[in-house]
């Protein structure tokens, strides 16, 4: 039973990390820090605008792949990949 508890604690830790990154990128970079980020440009666009329109989406997709990789590692660690 202890293994299942530890497995879920590690899973929740990964989920919270994803949620924090998601919040910082979407709310922080897209709304709160937009003026400061707009002083820089990426691909000809202001960085604040880019994060609000494209960067957040790229970050979310990257988070999906990162979470999948980490969960596969976690499944192997606790030998639950075939259940």
N, C-alpha and C. Protein backbone atom coordinates (compact mmCIF):
# COMPACT_ATOMS: atom_id res chain seq x y z
N UNK A 1 0.83 -1.20 0.00
CA UNK A 1 0.00 0.00 0.00
C UNK A 1 0.87 1.26 0.00
N UNK A 2 2.02 1.17 0.66
CA UNK A 2 2.89 2.34 0.73
C UNK A 2 3.40 2.74 -0.64
N UNK A 3 3.67 1.75 -1.52
CA UNK A 3 4.12 2.04 -2.87
C UNK A 3 3.11 2.83 -3.67
N UNK A 4 1.83 2.48 -3.52
CA UNK A 4 0.78 3.21 -4.23
C UNK A 4 0.69 4.65 -3.74
N UNK A 5 0.82 4.83 -2.42
CA UNK A 5 0.76 6.18 -1.86
C UNK A 5 1.91 7.03 -2.37
N UNK A 6 3.11 6.46 -2.38
CA UNK A 6 4.27 7.20 -2.87
C UNK A 6 4.14 7.50 -4.36
N UNK A 7 3.63 6.54 -5.11
CA UNK A 7 3.41 6.72 -6.55
C UNK A 7 2.49 7.92 -6.79
N UNK A 8 1.38 7.96 -6.07
CA UNK A 8 0.43 9.06 -6.27
C UNK A 8 0.96 10.38 -5.76
N UNK A 9 1.77 10.37 -4.72
CA UNK A 9 2.39 11.61 -4.25
C UNK A 9 3.33 12.17 -5.31
N UNK A 10 4.11 11.29 -5.93
CA UNK A 10 5.01 11.74 -7.00
C UNK A 10 4.21 12.20 -8.22
N UNK A 11 3.13 11.51 -8.53
CA UNK A 11 2.26 11.91 -9.63
C UNK A 11 1.66 13.30 -9.37
N UNK A 12 1.15 13.51 -8.18
CA UNK A 12 0.59 14.82 -7.83
C UNK A 12 1.65 15.91 -7.87
N UNK A 13 2.87 15.59 -7.48
CA UNK A 13 3.96 16.55 -7.54
C UNK A 13 4.19 16.99 -8.99
N UNK A 14 4.20 16.03 -9.92
CA UNK A 14 4.36 16.36 -11.34
C UNK A 14 3.20 17.23 -11.83
N UNK A 15 1.99 16.90 -11.43
CA UNK A 15 0.82 17.67 -11.83
C UNK A 15 0.92 19.11 -11.32
N UNK A 16 1.32 19.27 -10.07
CA UNK A 16 1.45 20.62 -9.50
C UNK A 16 2.54 21.42 -10.21
N UNK A 17 3.63 20.77 -10.58
CA UNK A 17 4.68 21.46 -11.34
C UNK A 17 4.13 21.94 -12.68
N UNK A 18 3.39 21.07 -13.36
CA UNK A 18 2.78 21.46 -14.64
C UNK A 18 1.81 22.62 -14.47
N UNK A 19 1.00 22.57 -13.43
CA UNK A 19 0.03 23.65 -13.19
C UNK A 19 0.71 24.98 -12.88
N UNK A 20 1.80 24.93 -12.13
CA UNK A 20 2.53 26.16 -11.80
C UNK A 20 3.14 26.76 -13.06
N UNK A 21 3.78 25.91 -13.88
CA UNK A 21 4.36 26.41 -15.13
C UNK A 21 3.27 26.97 -16.03
N UNK A 22 2.16 26.25 -16.12
CA UNK A 22 1.02 26.70 -16.94
C UNK A 22 0.54 28.07 -16.47
N UNK A 23 0.38 28.25 -15.16
CA UNK A 23 -0.09 29.52 -14.62
C UNK A 23 0.91 30.64 -14.90
N UNK A 24 2.19 30.39 -14.65
CA UNK A 24 3.20 31.42 -14.84
C UNK A 24 3.25 31.86 -16.31
N UNK A 25 3.21 30.91 -17.22
CA UNK A 25 3.30 31.25 -18.64
C UNK A 25 2.04 31.94 -19.13
N UNK A 26 0.88 31.39 -18.81
CA UNK A 26 -0.35 31.97 -19.35
C UNK A 26 -0.75 33.26 -18.65
N UNK A 27 -0.74 33.27 -17.34
CA UNK A 27 -1.18 34.45 -16.61
C UNK A 27 -0.04 35.44 -16.40
N UNK A 28 1.10 34.92 -15.97
CA UNK A 28 2.24 35.79 -15.69
C UNK A 28 2.80 36.44 -16.93
N UNK A 29 3.21 35.61 -17.92
CA UNK A 29 3.82 36.16 -19.13
C UNK A 29 2.78 36.77 -20.06
N UNK A 30 1.60 36.20 -20.12
CA UNK A 30 0.57 36.67 -21.04
C UNK A 30 -0.18 37.90 -20.58
N UNK A 31 -0.25 38.13 -19.25
CA UNK A 31 -1.02 39.27 -18.74
C UNK A 31 -0.22 40.20 -17.83
N UNK A 32 0.39 39.65 -16.80
CA UNK A 32 1.04 40.50 -15.81
C UNK A 32 2.35 41.13 -16.29
N UNK A 33 3.15 40.38 -17.00
CA UNK A 33 4.47 40.87 -17.42
C UNK A 33 4.51 41.27 -18.89
N UNK A 34 3.36 41.44 -19.50
CA UNK A 34 3.30 41.70 -20.93
C UNK A 34 4.05 42.98 -21.31
N UNK A 35 3.94 44.03 -20.54
CA UNK A 35 4.60 45.29 -20.88
C UNK A 35 6.11 45.16 -20.83
N UNK A 36 6.62 44.48 -19.81
CA UNK A 36 8.07 44.28 -19.70
C UNK A 36 8.58 43.38 -20.82
N UNK A 37 7.82 42.33 -21.15
CA UNK A 37 8.24 41.42 -22.21
C UNK A 37 8.13 42.04 -23.59
N UNK A 38 7.25 43.01 -23.75
CA UNK A 38 7.08 43.66 -25.06
C UNK A 38 8.29 44.48 -25.47
N UNK A 39 9.22 44.70 -24.57
CA UNK A 39 10.45 45.41 -24.92
C UNK A 39 11.39 44.53 -25.74
N UNK A 40 11.13 43.24 -25.77
CA UNK A 40 11.93 42.29 -26.54
C UNK A 40 11.08 41.78 -27.71
N UNK A 41 11.77 41.35 -28.76
CA UNK A 41 11.06 40.85 -29.93
C UNK A 41 11.54 39.44 -30.27
N UNK A 42 10.59 38.63 -30.77
CA UNK A 42 10.91 37.29 -31.26
C UNK A 42 10.17 37.11 -32.58
N UNK A 43 10.91 36.85 -33.63
CA UNK A 43 10.31 36.69 -34.95
C UNK A 43 9.60 37.95 -35.43
N UNK A 44 10.04 39.11 -34.99
CA UNK A 44 9.42 40.37 -35.39
C UNK A 44 8.24 40.80 -34.53
N UNK A 45 7.82 39.95 -33.62
CA UNK A 45 6.68 40.28 -32.75
C UNK A 45 7.15 40.60 -31.34
N UNK A 46 6.41 41.43 -30.67
CA UNK A 46 6.73 41.73 -29.28
C UNK A 46 6.60 40.46 -28.46
N UNK A 47 7.53 40.23 -27.54
CA UNK A 47 7.58 38.98 -26.79
C UNK A 47 6.33 38.76 -25.94
N UNK A 48 5.79 39.80 -25.32
CA UNK A 48 4.57 39.67 -24.53
C UNK A 48 3.41 39.21 -25.38
N UNK A 49 3.26 39.80 -26.55
CA UNK A 49 2.21 39.39 -27.48
C UNK A 49 2.44 37.95 -27.93
N UNK A 50 3.72 37.61 -28.24
CA UNK A 50 4.05 36.27 -28.70
C UNK A 50 3.69 35.23 -27.65
N UNK A 51 4.00 35.50 -26.38
CA UNK A 51 3.66 34.56 -25.32
C UNK A 51 2.15 34.40 -25.19
N UNK A 52 1.43 35.49 -25.29
CA UNK A 52 -0.02 35.42 -25.16
C UNK A 52 -0.65 34.64 -26.31
N UNK A 53 -0.06 34.72 -27.50
CA UNK A 53 -0.67 34.10 -28.67
C UNK A 53 -0.08 32.74 -29.03
N UNK A 54 1.24 32.61 -28.99
CA UNK A 54 1.89 31.39 -29.45
C UNK A 54 2.70 30.69 -28.36
N UNK A 55 3.44 31.46 -27.59
CA UNK A 55 4.34 30.88 -26.60
C UNK A 55 3.63 30.02 -25.58
N UNK A 56 2.46 30.44 -25.15
CA UNK A 56 1.70 29.66 -24.17
C UNK A 56 1.29 28.32 -24.76
N UNK A 57 0.90 28.31 -26.02
CA UNK A 57 0.49 27.06 -26.67
C UNK A 57 1.69 26.12 -26.78
N UNK A 58 2.83 26.64 -27.22
CA UNK A 58 4.04 25.82 -27.31
C UNK A 58 4.43 25.27 -25.95
N UNK A 59 4.30 26.09 -24.93
CA UNK A 59 4.64 25.65 -23.58
C UNK A 59 3.70 24.53 -23.13
N UNK A 60 2.42 24.66 -23.41
CA UNK A 60 1.45 23.64 -23.01
C UNK A 60 1.73 22.31 -23.72
N UNK A 61 2.05 22.37 -25.00
CA UNK A 61 2.38 21.14 -25.74
C UNK A 61 3.65 20.51 -25.18
N UNK A 62 4.65 21.34 -24.89
CA UNK A 62 5.89 20.83 -24.29
C UNK A 62 5.61 20.19 -22.93
N UNK A 63 4.71 20.79 -22.15
CA UNK A 63 4.34 20.22 -20.85
C UNK A 63 3.68 18.84 -21.00
N UNK A 64 2.88 18.68 -22.02
CA UNK A 64 2.24 17.38 -22.26
C UNK A 64 3.30 16.31 -22.51
N UNK A 65 4.27 16.63 -23.38
CA UNK A 65 5.33 15.66 -23.66
C UNK A 65 6.20 15.40 -22.44
N UNK A 66 6.52 16.45 -21.68
CA UNK A 66 7.34 16.29 -20.49
C UNK A 66 6.62 15.44 -19.44
N UNK A 67 5.34 15.72 -19.23
CA UNK A 67 4.56 14.95 -18.26
C UNK A 67 4.47 13.49 -18.68
N UNK A 68 4.26 13.24 -19.97
CA UNK A 68 4.19 11.87 -20.46
C UNK A 68 5.50 11.13 -20.22
N UNK A 69 6.61 11.78 -20.50
CA UNK A 69 7.92 11.16 -20.28
C UNK A 69 8.13 10.86 -18.80
N UNK A 70 7.83 11.82 -17.95
CA UNK A 70 8.03 11.63 -16.51
C UNK A 70 7.10 10.56 -15.95
N UNK A 71 5.87 10.48 -16.45
CA UNK A 71 4.95 9.45 -15.97
C UNK A 71 5.38 8.07 -16.44
N UNK A 72 5.92 7.96 -17.64
CA UNK A 72 6.45 6.68 -18.09
C UNK A 72 7.60 6.22 -17.19
N UNK A 73 8.47 7.16 -16.81
CA UNK A 73 9.56 6.84 -15.89
C UNK A 73 9.01 6.42 -14.53
N UNK A 74 8.00 7.13 -14.07
CA UNK A 74 7.39 6.83 -12.77
C UNK A 74 6.70 5.46 -12.81
N UNK A 75 6.03 5.15 -13.90
CA UNK A 75 5.38 3.85 -14.04
C UNK A 75 6.40 2.72 -13.99
N UNK A 76 7.53 2.91 -14.67
CA UNK A 76 8.58 1.89 -14.63
C UNK A 76 9.18 1.75 -13.24
N UNK A 77 9.37 2.89 -12.58
CA UNK A 77 9.96 2.88 -11.24
C UNK A 77 9.09 2.07 -10.27
N UNK A 78 7.78 2.20 -10.38
CA UNK A 78 6.86 1.50 -9.45
C UNK A 78 6.25 0.24 -10.08
N UNK A 79 6.75 -0.13 -11.26
CA UNK A 79 6.32 -1.35 -11.95
C UNK A 79 4.80 -1.40 -12.14
N UNK A 80 4.25 -0.32 -12.68
CA UNK A 80 2.82 -0.27 -12.97
C UNK A 80 2.54 0.00 -14.44
N UNK A 81 3.56 -0.10 -15.30
CA UNK A 81 3.36 0.24 -16.70
C UNK A 81 2.48 -0.75 -17.44
N UNK A 82 2.31 -1.96 -16.91
CA UNK A 82 1.49 -2.96 -17.60
C UNK A 82 0.14 -3.20 -16.94
N UNK A 83 -0.24 -2.37 -16.01
CA UNK A 83 -1.53 -2.59 -15.32
C UNK A 83 -2.61 -1.75 -15.95
